[in-house]
C-alpha atoms as a PDB file:
ATOM      1  CA  MET A   1      52.410  41.337  20.895  1.00  0.00           C
ATOM      2  CA  SER A   2      52.045  42.714  17.398  1.00  0.00           C
ATOM      3  CA  ASP A   3      55.244  41.529  15.693  1.00  0.00           C
ATOM      4  CA  ILE A   4      55.204  37.729  15.545  1.00  0.00           C
ATOM      5  CA  SER A   5      58.347  36.735  13.673  1.00  0.00           C
ATOM      6  CA  THR A   6      59.589  33.648  15.532  1.00  0.00           C
ATOM      7  CA  SER A   7      58.091  30.426  16.838  1.00  0.00           C
ATOM      8  CA  ALA A   8      58.928  31.497  20.382  1.00  0.00           C
ATOM      9  CA  GLN A   9      56.936  34.713  19.947  1.00  0.00           C
ATOM     10  CA  ALA A  10      54.003  32.763  18.514  1.00  0.00           C
ATOM     11  CA  ILE A  11      54.096  30.374  21.468  1.00  0.00           C
ATOM     12  CA  LEU A  12      54.220  33.206  23.988  1.00  0.00           C
ATOM     13  CA  ALA A  13      51.448  35.174  22.288  1.00  0.00           C
ATOM     14  CA  THR A  14      49.209  32.096  22.198  1.00  0.00           C
ATOM     15  CA  LEU A  15      49.855  31.266  25.850  1.00  0.00           C
ATOM     16  CA  LEU A  16      49.066  34.824  26.935  1.00  0.00           C
ATOM     17  CA  ASP A  17      45.939  35.056  24.779  1.00  0.00           C
ATOM     18  CA  GLN A  18      44.555  31.726  25.919  1.00  0.00           C
ATOM     19  CA  ARG A  19      45.521  32.327  29.540  1.00  0.00           C
ATOM     20  CA  LYS A  20      42.745  34.932  29.484  1.00  0.00           C
ATOM     21  CA  SER A  21      40.186  32.982  27.463  1.00  0.00           C
ATOM     22  CA  ARG A  22      40.991  29.467  28.808  1.00  0.00           C
ATOM     23  CA  ILE A  23      39.913  27.853  25.554  1.00  0.00           C
ATOM     24  CA  GLU A  24      39.136  24.223  26.325  1.00  0.00           C
ATOM     25  CA  ARG A  25      41.658  21.749  24.909  1.00  0.00           C
ATOM     26  CA  GLY A  26      43.616  24.653  23.483  1.00  0.00           C
ATOM     27  CA  PHE A  27      47.333  25.425  23.536  1.00  0.00           C
ATOM     28  CA  TYR A  28      47.479  26.926  27.033  1.00  0.00           C
ATOM     29  CA  TRP A  29      45.095  24.273  28.386  1.00  0.00           C
ATOM     30  CA  GLU A  30      47.187  21.346  27.158  1.00  0.00           C
ATOM     31  CA  ASN A  31      50.433  23.013  28.263  1.00  0.00           C
ATOM     32  CA  GLN A  32      49.141  23.253  31.800  1.00  0.00           C
ATOM     33  CA  ILE A  33      48.188  19.588  31.966  1.00  0.00           C
ATOM     34  CA  ALA A  34      51.308  18.198  30.270  1.00  0.00           C
ATOM     35  CA  PHE A  35      53.699  20.371  32.280  1.00  0.00           C
ATOM     36  CA  ALA A  36      52.117  19.572  35.663  1.00  0.00           C
ATOM     37  CA  TYR A  37      51.772  15.873  34.899  1.00  0.00           C
ATOM     38  CA  ASN A  38      55.355  15.367  33.708  1.00  0.00           C
ATOM     39  CA  SER A  39      57.136  17.592  36.218  1.00  0.00           C
ATOM     40  CA  GLU A  40      55.170  16.256  39.177  1.00  0.00           C
ATOM     41  CA  LYS A  41      55.525  12.629  38.093  1.00  0.00           C
ATOM     42  CA  MET A  42      59.290  13.060  37.921  1.00  0.00           C
ATOM     43  CA  GLU A  43      59.139  13.818  41.655  1.00  0.00           C
ATOM     44  CA  GLY A  44      57.086  10.736  42.506  1.00  0.00           C
ATOM     45  CA  ASN A  45      53.551  12.111  42.203  1.00  0.00           C
ATOM     46  CA  PRO A  46      51.308   9.083  41.426  1.00  0.00           C
ATOM     47  CA  LEU A  47      48.532  11.040  39.674  1.00  0.00           C
ATOM     48  CA  THR A  48      47.761   9.754  36.191  1.00  0.00           C
ATOM     49  CA  LYS A  49      47.496  12.018  33.162  1.00  0.00           C
ATOM     50  CA  ASP A  50      43.695  11.641  33.263  1.00  0.00           C
ATOM     51  CA  GLN A  51      43.584  12.556  36.947  1.00  0.00           C
ATOM     52  CA  THR A  52      45.795  15.576  36.342  1.00  0.00           C
ATOM     53  CA  ARG A  53      43.463  16.653  33.542  1.00  0.00           C
ATOM     54  CA  SER A  54      40.415  16.190  35.769  1.00  0.00           C
ATOM     55  CA  ILE A  55      41.919  18.370  38.492  1.00  0.00           C
ATOM     56  CA  PHE A  56      42.674  21.139  35.995  1.00  0.00           C
ATOM     57  CA  GLU A  57      39.350  20.967  34.169  1.00  0.00           C
ATOM     58  CA  THR A  58      36.856  20.279  36.970  1.00  0.00           C
ATOM     59  CA  HIS A  59      38.802  20.568  40.261  1.00  0.00           C
ATOM     60  CA  THR A  60      37.772  16.982  40.996  1.00  0.00           C
ATOM     61  CA  ILE A  61      39.555  13.639  40.873  1.00  0.00           C
ATOM     62  CA  THR A  62      38.375  10.220  39.805  1.00  0.00           C
ATOM     63  CA  GLY A  63      39.919   6.756  39.842  1.00  0.00           C
ATOM     64  CA  ARG A  64      42.271   5.406  42.457  1.00  0.00           C
ATOM     65  CA  ALA A  65      42.718   7.261  45.735  1.00  0.00           C
ATOM     66  CA  VAL A  66      45.693   9.611  45.945  1.00  0.00           C
ATOM     67  CA  PRO A  67      47.030  11.385  49.067  1.00  0.00           C
ATOM     68  CA  SER A  68      45.744  14.945  49.208  1.00  0.00           C
ATOM     69  CA  ASP A  69      49.247  16.404  49.236  1.00  0.00           C
ATOM     70  CA  TYR A  70      49.841  15.269  45.641  1.00  0.00           C
ATOM     71  CA  ILE A  71      46.593  16.935  44.583  1.00  0.00           C
ATOM     72  CA  ALA A  72      47.575  20.160  46.345  1.00  0.00           C
ATOM     73  CA  GLU A  73      50.979  20.224  44.672  1.00  0.00           C
ATOM     74  CA  THR A  74      49.433  19.606  41.246  1.00  0.00           C
ATOM     75  CA  GLU A  75      46.984  22.482  41.725  1.00  0.00           C
ATOM     76  CA  ASN A  76      49.869  24.640  42.910  1.00  0.00           C
ATOM     77  CA  HIS A  77      51.787  23.756  39.747  1.00  0.00           C
ATOM     78  CA  PHE A  78      48.889  25.094  37.674  1.00  0.00           C
ATOM     79  CA  ARG A  79      49.021  28.338  39.686  1.00  0.00           C
ATOM     80  CA  LEU A  80      52.790  28.530  39.287  1.00  0.00           C
ATOM     81  CA  PHE A  81      52.490  28.256  35.502  1.00  0.00           C
ATOM     82  CA  ASP A  82      50.030  31.173  35.526  1.00  0.00           C
ATOM     83  CA  PHE A  83      52.283  33.180  37.817  1.00  0.00           C
ATOM     84  CA  MET A  84      55.204  32.492  35.477  1.00  0.00           C
ATOM     85  CA  LEU A  85      53.248  33.946  32.545  1.00  0.00           C
ATOM     86  CA  GLU A  86      52.096  36.938  34.602  1.00  0.00           C
ATOM     87  CA  THR A  87      55.634  37.875  35.689  1.00  0.00           C
ATOM     88  CA  LEU A  88      57.657  37.476  32.497  1.00  0.00           C
ATOM     89  CA  GLU A  89      58.524  41.173  32.564  1.00  0.00           C
ATOM     90  CA  CYS A  90      59.781  40.981  36.148  1.00  0.00           C
ATOM     91  CA  PRO A  91      63.519  40.531  36.689  1.00  0.00           C
ATOM     92  CA  LEU A  92      64.812  37.068  37.468  1.00  0.00           C
ATOM     93  CA  ASP A  93      65.989  37.710  41.016  1.00  0.00           C
ATOM     94  CA  LYS A  94      65.855  36.185  44.497  1.00  0.00           C
ATOM     95  CA  ILE A  95      62.387  37.569  45.146  1.00  0.00           C
ATOM     96  CA  LEU A  96      61.008  35.798  42.084  1.00  0.00           C
ATOM     97  CA  LEU A  97      62.734  32.526  43.003  1.00  0.00           C
ATOM     98  CA  LEU A  98      61.223  32.631  46.487  1.00  0.00           C
ATOM     99  CA  ASP A  99      57.796  33.485  45.070  1.00  0.00           C
ATOM    100  CA  TYR A 100      57.991  30.444  42.773  1.00  0.00           C
ATOM    101  CA  HIS A 101      58.731  28.200  45.744  1.00  0.00           C
ATOM    102  CA  ARG A 102      55.997  29.718  47.887  1.00  0.00           C
ATOM    103  CA  ILE A 103      53.346  29.177  45.191  1.00  0.00           C
ATOM    104  CA  LEU A 104      54.453  25.594  44.557  1.00  0.00           C
ATOM    105  CA  LYS A 105      54.502  24.482  48.201  1.00  0.00           C
ATOM    106  CA  VAL A 106      51.898  26.579  50.033  1.00  0.00           C
ATOM    107  CA  GLY A 107      49.175  24.521  51.693  1.00  0.00           C
ATOM    108  CA  THR A 108      51.074  21.241  51.370  1.00  0.00           C
ATOM    109  CA  ARG A 109      51.956  18.945  54.252  1.00  0.00           C
ATOM    110  CA  ASP A 110      55.463  20.398  54.269  1.00  0.00           C
ATOM    111  CA  ASP A 111      53.974  23.837  54.762  1.00  0.00           C
ATOM    112  CA  LEU A 112      51.461  22.846  57.438  1.00  0.00           C
ATOM    113  CA  ASP A 113      53.238  20.107  59.419  1.00  0.00           C
ATOM    114  CA  ASN A 114      56.999  20.516  58.979  1.00  0.00           C
ATOM    115  CA  LEU A 115      58.451  23.076  61.372  1.00  0.00           C
ATOM    116  CA  ASP A 116      61.827  22.975  59.592  1.00  0.00           C
ATOM    117  CA  PHE A 117      60.311  23.717  56.187  1.00  0.00           C
ATOM    118  CA  VAL A 118      60.129  27.349  55.065  1.00  0.00           C
ATOM    119  CA  VAL A 119      57.655  27.953  52.226  1.00  0.00           C
ATOM    120  CA  GLY A 120      59.088  30.719  50.095  1.00  0.00           C
ATOM    121  CA  GLY A 121      62.399  30.502  51.956  1.00  0.00           C
ATOM    122  CA  TRP A 122      65.810  28.932  51.574  1.00  0.00           C
ATOM    123  CA  LYS A 123      66.492  25.495  53.024  1.00  0.00           C
ATOM    124  CA  THR A 124      67.442  25.233  56.676  1.00  0.00           C
ATOM    125  CA  ILE A 125      68.685  21.618  56.705  1.00  0.00           C
ATOM    126  CA  PRO A 126      71.497  20.230  54.506  1.00  0.00           C
ATOM    127  CA  ASN A 127      70.304  18.034  51.641  1.00  0.00           C
ATOM    128  CA  ALA A 128      71.793  15.891  48.907  1.00  0.00           C
ATOM    129  CA  VAL A 129      70.925  14.844  45.356  1.00  0.00           C
ATOM    130  CA  ALA A 130      71.707  11.261  44.333  1.00  0.00           C
ATOM    131  CA  GLY A 131      74.082  11.026  47.275  1.00  0.00           C
ATOM    132  CA  VAL A 132      75.951  14.199  46.308  1.00  0.00           C
ATOM    133  CA  GLN A 133      76.025  16.938  48.932  1.00  0.00           C
ATOM    134  CA  THR A 134      74.598  20.276  47.803  1.00  0.00           C
ATOM    135  CA  THR A 135      75.325  23.810  48.983  1.00  0.00           C
ATOM    136  CA  PRO A 136      75.066  24.122  52.798  1.00  0.00           C
ATOM    137  CA  PRO A 137      72.084  26.217  54.001  1.00  0.00           C
ATOM    138  CA  ALA A 138      74.259  29.033  55.337  1.00  0.00           C
ATOM    139  CA  GLU A 139      75.849  29.502  51.911  1.00  0.00           C
ATOM    140  CA  VAL A 140      72.738  29.247  49.737  1.00  0.00           C
ATOM    141  CA  GLU A 141      71.858  32.928  49.444  1.00  0.00           C
ATOM    142  CA  GLY A 142      75.428  33.899  48.569  1.00  0.00           C
ATOM    143  CA  GLU A 143      75.631  31.181  45.910  1.00  0.00           C
ATOM    144  CA  ILE A 144      72.298  32.251  44.437  1.00  0.00           C
ATOM    145  CA  ASP A 145      73.591  35.846  44.293  1.00  0.00           C
ATOM    146  CA  ARG A 146      76.680  34.671  42.410  1.00  0.00           C
ATOM    147  CA  LEU A 147      74.651  32.528  40.029  1.00  0.00           C
ATOM    148  CA  LEU A 148      72.269  35.362  39.184  1.00  0.00           C
ATOM    149  CA  ALA A 149      75.125  37.838  38.728  1.00  0.00           C
ATOM    150  CA  ALA A 150      76.931  35.511  36.322  1.00  0.00           C
ATOM    151  CA  TYR A 151      73.749  34.764  34.402  1.00  0.00           C
ATOM    152  CA  HIS A 152      72.748  38.411  34.039  1.00  0.00           C
ATOM    153  CA  GLY A 153      76.320  39.360  33.186  1.00  0.00           C
ATOM    154  CA  LYS A 154      76.057  37.756  29.751  1.00  0.00           C
ATOM    155  CA  ARG A 155      76.446  40.387  27.054  1.00  0.00           C
ATOM    156  CA  GLU A 156      75.371  38.277  24.099  1.00  0.00           C
ATOM    157  CA  ALA A 157      71.875  36.986  23.424  1.00  0.00           C
ATOM    158  CA  LEU A 158      71.178  34.046  25.686  1.00  0.00           C
ATOM    159  CA  THR A 159      71.037  30.554  24.212  1.00  0.00           C
ATOM    160  CA  TYR A 160      70.001  27.079  25.328  1.00  0.00           C
ATOM    161  CA  ARG A 161      73.581  26.665  26.586  1.00  0.00           C
ATOM    162  CA  ASP A 162      73.127  29.562  29.013  1.00  0.00           C
ATOM    163  CA  ILE A 163      69.717  28.396  30.234  1.00  0.00           C
ATOM    164  CA  ALA A 164      70.900  24.803  30.607  1.00  0.00           C
ATOM    165  CA  GLY A 165      73.943  25.985  32.550  1.00  0.00           C
ATOM    166  CA  PHE A 166      71.815  28.120  34.852  1.00  0.00           C
ATOM    167  CA  HIS A 167      69.553  25.152  35.527  1.00  0.00           C
ATOM    168  CA  VAL A 168      72.440  22.824  36.336  1.00  0.00           C
ATOM    169  CA  PHE A 169      74.004  25.230  38.814  1.00  0.00           C
ATOM    170  CA  PHE A 170      70.620  26.061  40.361  1.00  0.00           C
ATOM    171  CA  GLU A 171      70.009  22.355  40.957  1.00  0.00           C
ATOM    172  CA  THR A 172      73.562  21.940  42.282  1.00  0.00           C
ATOM    173  CA  ILE A 173      72.883  24.637  44.877  1.00  0.00           C
ATOM    174  CA  HIS A 174      69.491  23.024  45.618  1.00  0.00           C
ATOM    175  CA  PRO A 175      68.366  26.158  47.477  1.00  0.00           C
ATOM    176  CA  PHE A 176      65.034  24.844  48.802  1.00  0.00           C
ATOM    177  CA  GLN A 177      64.228  21.997  51.151  1.00  0.00           C
ATOM    178  CA  ASP A 178      61.940  20.518  48.480  1.00  0.00           C
ATOM    179  CA  GLY A 179      60.590  21.558  45.083  1.00  0.00           C
ATOM    180  CA  ASN A 180      63.934  22.467  43.495  1.00  0.00           C
ATOM    181  CA  GLY A 181      63.401  20.416  40.338  1.00  0.00           C
ATOM    182  CA  ARG A 182      59.900  21.711  39.678  1.00  0.00           C
ATOM    183  CA  VAL A 183      60.922  25.327  40.304  1.00  0.00           C
ATOM    184  CA  GLY A 184      64.032  24.857  38.167  1.00  0.00           C
ATOM    185  CA  ARG A 185      62.154  23.362  35.224  1.00  0.00           C
ATOM    186  CA  MET A 186      59.586  26.166  35.363  1.00  0.00           C
ATOM    187  CA  LEU A 187      62.446  28.664  35.316  1.00  0.00           C
ATOM    188  CA  MET A 188      63.871  27.045  32.174  1.00  0.00           C
ATOM    189  CA  PHE A 189      60.487  27.352  30.448  1.00  0.00           C
ATOM    190  CA  ARG A 190      60.275  30.997  31.556  1.00  0.00           C
ATOM    191  CA  GLU A 191      63.756  31.929  30.435  1.00  0.00           C
ATOM    192  CA  CYS A 192      63.203  30.394  27.009  1.00  0.00           C
ATOM    193  CA  LEU A 193      60.117  32.586  26.562  1.00  0.00           C
ATOM    194  CA  VAL A 194      61.885  35.689  27.878  1.00  0.00           C
ATOM    195  CA  HIS A 195      64.868  35.236  25.563  1.00  0.00           C
ATOM    196  CA  GLY A 196      63.016  34.260  22.400  1.00  0.00           C
ATOM    197  CA  LEU A 197      63.779  30.536  22.453  1.00  0.00           C
ATOM    198  CA  GLU A 198      61.254  27.765  21.907  1.00  0.00           C
ATOM    199  CA  PRO A 199      60.407  26.478  25.400  1.00  0.00           C
ATOM    200  CA  PHE A 200      60.144  22.848  26.412  1.00  0.00           C
ATOM    201  CA  ILE A 201      58.682  20.459  28.957  1.00  0.00           C
ATOM    202  CA  VAL A 202      61.026  17.816  30.363  1.00  0.00           C
ATOM    203  CA  LEU A 203      59.162  14.546  29.893  1.00  0.00           C
ATOM    204  CA  ASP A 204      58.962  12.014  32.695  1.00  0.00           C
ATOM    205  CA  GLU A 205      59.852   9.309  30.191  1.00  0.00           C
ATOM    206  CA  GLU A 206      63.092  11.164  29.498  1.00  0.00           C
ATOM    207  CA  LYS A 207      64.051  11.728  33.138  1.00  0.00           C
ATOM    208  CA  GLU A 208      67.020   9.333  33.048  1.00  0.00           C
ATOM    209  CA  ARG A 209      68.600  11.384  30.269  1.00  0.00           C
ATOM    210  CA  TYR A 210      67.702  14.583  32.113  1.00  0.00           C
ATOM    211  CA  TYR A 211      69.369  13.444  35.356  1.00  0.00           C
ATOM    212  CA  ARG A 212      72.367  12.128  33.443  1.00  0.00           C
ATOM    213  CA  GLY A 213      72.746  15.526  31.807  1.00  0.00           C
ATOM    214  CA  LEU A 214      72.699  17.252  35.195  1.00  0.00           C
ATOM    215  CA  ALA A 215      75.164  14.816  36.744  1.00  0.00           C
ATOM    216  CA  HIS A 216      77.758  15.018  33.947  1.00  0.00           C
ATOM    217  CA  PHE A 217      77.405  18.646  32.887  1.00  0.00           C
ATOM    218  CA  ASP A 218      80.862  19.594  34.129  1.00  0.00           C
ATOM    219  CA  LYS A 219      82.536  17.048  31.817  1.00  0.00           C
ATOM    220  CA  GLN A 220      79.925  16.682  29.061  1.00  0.00           C
ATOM    221  CA  PRO A 221      77.946  19.945  28.835  1.00  0.00           C
ATOM    222  CA  GLU A 222      76.924  19.291  25.239  1.00  0.00           C
ATOM    223  CA  TYR A 223      74.902  16.251  26.272  1.00  0.00           C
ATOM    224  CA  PHE A 224      72.491  18.266  28.423  1.00  0.00           C
ATOM    225  CA  ILE A 225      72.403  21.216  26.012  1.00  0.00           C
ATOM    226  CA  GLU A 226      71.456  18.903  23.149  1.00  0.00           C
ATOM    227  CA  PHE A 227      68.870  17.240  25.374  1.00  0.00           C
ATOM    228  CA  CYS A 228      67.203  20.625  26.008  1.00  0.00           C
ATOM    229  CA  GLU A 229      67.237  21.423  22.293  1.00  0.00           C
ATOM    230  CA  GLU A 230      65.686  18.045  21.499  1.00  0.00           C
ATOM    231  CA  MET A 231      62.927  18.578  24.078  1.00  0.00           C
ATOM    232  CA  ALA A 232      62.215  21.982  22.497  1.00  0.00           C
ATOM    233  CA  GLU A 233      61.869  20.324  19.082  1.00  0.00           C
ATOM    234  CA  LEU A 234      59.521  17.673  20.465  1.00  0.00           C
ATOM    235  CA  TYR A 235      57.486  20.402  22.148  1.00  0.00           C
ATOM    236  CA  LEU A 236      57.125  22.291  18.877  1.00  0.00           C
ATOM    237  CA  ARG A 237      56.129  19.141  17.013  1.00  0.00           C
ATOM    238  CA  GLU A 238      53.494  18.291  19.606  1.00  0.00           C
ATOM    239  CA  TYR A 239      51.909  21.722  19.986  1.00  0.00           C
ATOM    240  CA  SER A 240      52.200  23.507  16.630  1.00  0.00           C
ATOM    241  CA  SER A 241      48.795  22.157  15.602  1.00  0.00           C
ATOM    242  CA  LEU A 242      47.203  23.998  18.574  1.00  0.00           C
ATOM    243  CA  VAL A 243      48.623  27.413  17.666  1.00  0.00           C
ATOM    244  CA  PRO A 244      45.982  29.674  16.034  1.00  0.00           C
ATOM    245  CA  GLU A 245      46.235  30.086  12.280  1.00  0.00           C
ATOM    246  CA  HIS A 246      47.165  33.765  12.437  1.00  0.00           C
ATOM    247  CA  TYR A 247      50.229  32.976  14.583  1.00  0.00           C
ATOM    248  CA  LEU A 248      51.514  30.005  12.595  1.00  0.00           C
ATOM    249  CA  LEU A 249      54.917  30.479  10.986  1.00  0.00           C
ATOM    250  CA  PRO A 250      56.627  28.404   8.271  1.00  0.00           C
ATOM    251  CA  ARG A 251      58.776  26.538  10.812  1.00  0.00           C
ATOM    252  CA  MET A 252      55.674  25.562  12.784  1.00  0.00           C
ATOM    253  CA  ARG A 253      53.801  24.492   9.654  1.00  0.00           C
ATOM    254  CA  GLU A 254      56.793  22.339   8.781  1.00  0.00           C
ATOM    255  CA  PHE A 255      56.458  20.474  12.065  1.00  0.00           C
ATOM    256  CA  MET A 256      52.716  20.095  11.545  1.00  0.00           C
ATOM    257  CA  ALA A 257      53.384  18.465   8.179  1.00  0.00           C
ATOM    258  CA  LYS A 258      55.872  16.054   9.747  1.00  0.00           C
ATOM    259  CA  LYS A 259      53.711  15.128  12.695  1.00  0.00           C
ATOM    260  CA  PRO A 260      51.906  12.131  11.111  1.00  0.00           C
ATOM    261  CA  ASN A 261      55.303  10.554  10.449  1.00  0.00           C
ATOM    262  CA  LEU A 262      56.255  10.892  14.106  1.00  0.00           C
ATOM    263  CA  GLU A 263      53.477   8.788  15.585  1.00  0.00           C
ATOM    264  CA  ALA A 264      55.738   5.862  16.421  1.00  0.00           C
ATOM    265  CA  LYS A 265      58.302   8.059  18.119  1.00  0.00           C
ATOM    266  CA  MET A 266      55.765  10.161  19.998  1.00  0.00           C
ATOM    267  CA  GLU A 267      53.384   7.405  21.032  1.00  0.00           C
ATOM    268  CA  GLY A 268      52.814   7.749  24.769  1.00  0.00           C
ATOM    269  CA  VAL A 269      55.596  10.266  25.249  1.00  0.00           C
ATOM    270  CA  TRP A 270      53.254  12.943  26.565  1.00  0.00           C
ATOM    271  CA  GLY A 271      51.761  10.664  29.169  1.00  0.00           C
ATOM    272  CA  ASP A 272      48.553   9.612  27.422  1.00  0.00           C
END
């Protein structure tokens, strides 16, 4: 990527560069750990931030005992993040959605012990979210087709509104037996990169606002859209200092200058 003119391009270029070099404690490195820790914890994974870091850095775990399934899903999340970066030029279609699910859930207890669970396949049993019934299994593929057609039918440049809307309707369909939230949040990160928007990680500490945004999107869409934009700003503030000097842009330097004044607001927010 030769023409770096936006923060989103600088973020993408840094992720791709460091994906190859795996610079310790660098931008890509810390993205992997923060994303896996927060997204997995939102789904009840008891791994601490330090344990998540240990798994990524040394493929070992220390501290309190944790069921092996949580470790497997965390390692799979690392692989999914890499796969996301490797397939940014691929179309967002049903094949990619199923590949995301397969990578996230392969080798887990659901995969090995649950005969009704299809890794890399649509759900086979009806499910609900917060007591609200989701799309019946027989209708999932058709609803996914309609969602993708509407999303790709946009003629203007995509915005956070479009990506937030896609996420809400994806989660409303709830196409997989398990893993919908983690796949959906990875898709939001991907689509931000693809469409030149600053990406973001939904923080576990902000999950109540996240779930509220999903639940009330039909009546209050601005709430969830603004939430996504705020998470993108927090992401930029947290990570600008890890972007190499030759990629830094004025907007990113501005956030670096503000960062010392944000210590109170940011304390603990990234799971440290």
